């Protein structure tokens, strides 16, 4: 299921459509995606969030059920149909198969296969004065399946079609430029691309906290 955020830009005064992904957690329309997909961010005067199903029907998003900025996960309510929900699986290990079906860089219906590369923990420090300024430990997954901007919130799947997490980011580590080269300021070549996903563990924790 796709998510579309329609925003009114402060700079140009026009409305922009930003496409991303999501997946149903319940048959009644509880849908998971990224927090940064739902959050309009700075420089946005107005914004509305809608969902688009496989038949390209535009459906209203009626409420935010749960959200966590730190782990970049959000659960919203989509009204307008009966959904086939996606079971979640936390029992996966490095080397297990991982799939992603998304719309990277506005290229629709892109299917990619890879493996789980690793699980790792990262800490997020909240600003001083917030409810808790202590570090929050998150579980992240690196997988070798491909995605790009526009894939955020799309489910990452195991061999049986269960959700093991969802797309959150992509980053590239580059070689250091050669100081002896004619132009040492040229950016080094890409050494490795990291595809990062929110883990199903953190999404389940968000669900439990809401209860």
Protein backbone atom coordinates (compact mmCIF):
# COMPACT_ATOMS: atom_id res chain seq x y z
CA UNK A 1 0.00 0.00 0.00
CA UNK A 2 1.34 3.39 -0.96
CA UNK A 3 1.23 6.56 1.10
CA UNK A 4 1.01 9.99 -0.43
CA UNK A 5 1.73 13.16 1.50
CA UNK A 6 0.35 16.26 -0.22
CA UNK A 7 2.02 19.41 1.05
CA UNK A 8 1.78 23.14 0.42
CA UNK A 9 5.33 24.44 0.00
CA UNK A 10 6.39 27.67 1.73
CA UNK A 11 8.97 28.42 -0.95
CA UNK A 12 7.02 28.07 -4.20
CA UNK A 13 3.41 28.16 -2.97
CA UNK A 14 2.60 24.96 -4.90
CA UNK A 15 1.40 21.60 -3.67
CA UNK A 16 3.80 18.67 -3.88
CA UNK A 17 3.02 14.96 -3.74
CA UNK A 18 5.54 12.74 -1.95
CA UNK A 19 5.11 9.01 -2.46
CA UNK A 20 6.22 6.36 0.03
CA UNK A 21 5.22 2.90 1.26
CA UNK A 22 3.30 1.18 4.03
CA UNK A 23 1.78 -2.18 4.97
CA UNK A 24 -1.36 -3.33 6.77
CA UNK A 25 -1.08 -4.73 10.29
CA UNK A 26 -4.79 -5.50 10.69
CA UNK A 27 -7.67 -6.26 8.37
CA UNK A 28 -9.48 -3.17 9.70
CA UNK A 29 -6.91 -0.73 8.30
CA UNK A 30 -4.13 -0.22 10.85
CA UNK A 31 -1.16 0.49 8.57
CA UNK A 32 2.54 0.80 9.48
CA UNK A 33 4.96 3.21 7.85
CA UNK A 34 7.84 5.53 8.85
CA UNK A 35 7.45 8.42 11.24
CA UNK A 36 9.25 10.69 8.77
CA UNK A 37 6.65 9.79 6.12
CA UNK A 38 3.83 11.15 8.28
CA UNK A 39 5.70 14.08 9.82
CA UNK A 40 5.39 17.10 7.45
CA UNK A 41 8.72 18.59 8.55
CA UNK A 42 9.85 22.26 8.41
CA UNK A 43 8.78 24.67 5.69
CA UNK A 44 5.36 23.06 5.20
CA UNK A 45 2.29 25.28 5.67
CA UNK A 46 -0.35 22.62 5.03
CA UNK A 47 -0.24 18.88 4.53
CA UNK A 48 -2.62 15.97 4.22
CA UNK A 49 -1.96 12.24 4.18
CA UNK A 50 -3.81 9.74 1.99
CA UNK A 51 -3.27 6.09 1.08
CA UNK A 52 -3.43 4.39 -2.31
CA UNK A 53 -4.25 0.69 -2.60
CA UNK A 54 -3.23 -1.85 -5.28
CA UNK A 55 -6.19 -0.80 -7.43
CA UNK A 56 -5.04 2.84 -7.23
CA UNK A 57 -8.04 3.85 -5.15
CA UNK A 58 -7.30 6.89 -2.97
CA UNK A 59 -8.27 6.25 0.66
CA UNK A 60 -8.43 8.68 3.60
CA UNK A 61 -6.09 8.45 6.57
CA UNK A 62 -8.32 9.18 9.57
CA UNK A 63 -5.95 9.08 12.56
CA UNK A 64 -2.50 8.36 13.88
CA UNK A 65 -2.76 5.37 16.22
CA UNK A 66 0.84 5.35 17.47
CA UNK A 67 4.08 7.06 16.54
CA UNK A 68 7.70 7.04 17.65
CA UNK A 69 10.15 9.55 16.21
CA UNK A 70 13.16 7.76 17.71
CA UNK A 71 12.63 4.41 15.97
CA UNK A 72 11.02 6.06 12.90
CA UNK A 73 7.81 4.04 13.06
CA UNK A 74 4.18 5.12 12.85
CA UNK A 75 0.83 3.33 12.74
CA UNK A 76 -2.08 5.06 11.05
CA UNK A 77 -5.73 4.22 10.41
CA UNK A 78 -6.76 3.96 6.75
CA UNK A 79 -10.50 3.92 6.10
CA UNK A 80 -12.22 2.37 3.12
CA UNK A 81 -11.77 -1.35 2.81
CA UNK A 82 -10.86 -4.78 4.10
CA UNK A 83 -7.12 -5.31 4.12
CA UNK A 84 -4.98 -8.43 4.00
CA UNK A 85 -2.70 -7.87 6.95
CA UNK A 86 0.97 -8.77 7.09
CA UNK A 87 2.16 -11.02 9.95
CA UNK A 88 5.35 -9.90 11.69
CA UNK A 89 8.37 -12.14 12.30
CA UNK A 90 11.15 -11.36 14.78
CA UNK A 91 12.90 -14.75 14.46
CA UNK A 92 15.30 -13.94 11.62
CA UNK A 93 19.07 -14.09 11.50
CA UNK A 94 21.97 -12.85 9.35
CA UNK A 95 22.00 -14.82 6.11
CA UNK A 96 18.21 -15.25 5.96
CA UNK A 97 16.47 -14.18 2.74
CA UNK A 98 15.03 -10.65 2.64
CA UNK A 99 12.73 -9.16 0.00
CA UNK A 100 11.46 -5.66 -0.68
CA UNK A 101 8.65 -4.53 -2.99
CA UNK A 102 8.48 -0.76 -3.31
CA UNK A 103 8.49 2.29 -5.59
CA UNK A 104 12.09 3.60 -5.45
CA UNK A 105 12.72 6.96 -7.08
CA UNK A 106 9.21 6.90 -8.62
CA UNK A 107 9.88 3.56 -10.36
CA UNK A 108 6.70 1.64 -9.63
CA UNK A 109 6.48 -2.00 -8.52
CA UNK A 110 10.18 -2.72 -8.00
CA UNK A 111 10.90 -6.14 -6.48
CA UNK A 112 14.31 -6.84 -4.98
CA UNK A 113 15.81 -9.87 -3.22
CA UNK A 114 18.78 -10.09 -0.87
CA UNK A 115 19.72 -11.34 2.57
CA UNK A 116 19.77 -10.03 6.12
CA UNK A 117 23.30 -8.66 6.53
CA UNK A 118 23.24 -7.86 10.21
CA UNK A 119 21.29 -6.69 13.21
CA UNK A 120 22.76 -3.84 15.21
CA UNK A 121 21.81 -1.44 17.94
CA UNK A 122 22.03 2.32 17.71
CA UNK A 123 21.33 4.98 20.30
CA UNK A 124 19.25 8.13 19.90
CA UNK A 125 19.82 10.98 22.35
CA UNK A 126 16.81 13.20 22.92
CA UNK A 127 17.26 16.95 23.36
CA UNK A 128 17.77 18.24 26.90
CA UNK A 129 14.49 19.25 28.49
CA UNK A 130 12.44 16.58 26.72
CA UNK A 131 10.62 13.89 28.68
CA UNK A 132 13.75 11.79 28.65
CA UNK A 133 17.13 13.09 27.50
CA UNK A 134 18.80 9.73 28.04
CA UNK A 135 19.82 7.58 25.08
CA UNK A 136 17.22 5.29 23.52
CA UNK A 137 18.52 1.99 22.14
CA UNK A 138 17.01 0.83 18.85
CA UNK A 139 17.34 -2.37 16.85
CA UNK A 140 18.14 -1.86 13.18
CA UNK A 141 18.58 -4.27 10.28
CA UNK A 142 20.89 -4.02 7.29
CA UNK A 143 19.79 -6.02 4.26
CA UNK A 144 21.19 -6.35 0.74
CA UNK A 145 17.82 -5.98 -1.04
CA UNK A 146 17.71 -2.70 -2.97
CA UNK A 147 15.65 0.42 -2.32
CA UNK A 148 15.93 4.17 -2.76
CA UNK A 149 14.08 7.40 -1.82
CA UNK A 150 10.36 6.72 -2.23
CA UNK A 151 10.66 3.27 -0.62
CA UNK A 152 10.39 4.54 2.98
CA UNK A 153 7.83 2.60 5.00
CA UNK A 154 7.70 -0.35 2.58
CA UNK A 155 7.78 -3.76 4.23
CA UNK A 156 10.90 -5.92 4.25
CA UNK A 157 9.80 -9.56 4.00
CA UNK A 158 11.12 -13.02 4.83
CA UNK A 159 10.85 -16.20 2.76
CA UNK A 160 7.26 -16.80 3.89
CA UNK A 161 6.01 -13.26 3.25
CA UNK A 162 6.12 -12.14 6.88
CA UNK A 163 7.27 -8.63 7.72
CA UNK A 164 10.66 -8.45 9.42
CA UNK A 165 10.75 -4.65 9.36
CA UNK A 166 10.31 -1.70 7.04
CA UNK A 167 12.52 0.56 4.94
CA UNK A 168 13.88 3.58 6.78
CA UNK A 169 17.01 4.86 4.98
CA UNK A 170 19.87 4.30 2.56
CA UNK A 171 23.43 5.58 2.93
CA UNK A 172 26.64 5.25 0.95
CA UNK A 173 30.13 4.88 2.36
CA UNK A 174 32.79 6.16 -0.03
CA UNK A 175 36.50 5.65 -0.42
CA UNK A 176 38.74 8.49 0.68
CA UNK A 177 39.84 10.67 -2.27
CA UNK A 178 43.40 10.04 -3.45
CA UNK A 179 45.50 13.04 -2.29
CA UNK A 180 47.92 12.39 -5.20
CA UNK A 181 45.20 12.61 -7.82
CA UNK A 182 44.98 15.66 -10.08
CA UNK A 183 41.74 16.69 -8.42
CA UNK A 184 41.87 15.46 -4.83
CA UNK A 185 38.54 17.17 -4.05
CA UNK A 186 36.57 14.74 -6.24
CA UNK A 187 34.31 12.55 -4.13
CA UNK A 188 35.60 9.01 -3.66
CA UNK A 189 33.86 6.11 -5.38
CA UNK A 190 31.10 4.25 -3.56
CA UNK A 191 32.62 1.48 -1.44
CA UNK A 192 29.38 0.06 0.00
CA UNK A 193 25.70 1.00 0.20
CA UNK A 194 23.87 0.37 3.48
CA UNK A 195 20.13 -0.35 3.34
CA UNK A 196 18.69 0.25 6.80
CA UNK A 197 15.35 -1.04 8.08
CA UNK A 198 13.34 -0.60 11.26
CA UNK A 199 13.02 -4.00 12.93
CA UNK A 200 9.72 -5.74 13.58
CA UNK A 201 10.85 -5.89 17.23
CA UNK A 202 10.65 -2.11 17.59
CA UNK A 203 7.32 -1.99 15.77
CA UNK A 204 5.86 -4.60 18.13
CA UNK A 205 7.20 -2.59 21.07
CA UNK A 206 5.36 0.48 19.75
CA UNK A 207 2.15 -1.57 19.51
CA UNK A 208 2.55 -2.85 23.10
CA UNK A 209 3.20 0.65 24.41
CA UNK A 210 -0.03 1.86 22.86
CA UNK A 211 -1.98 -0.87 24.61
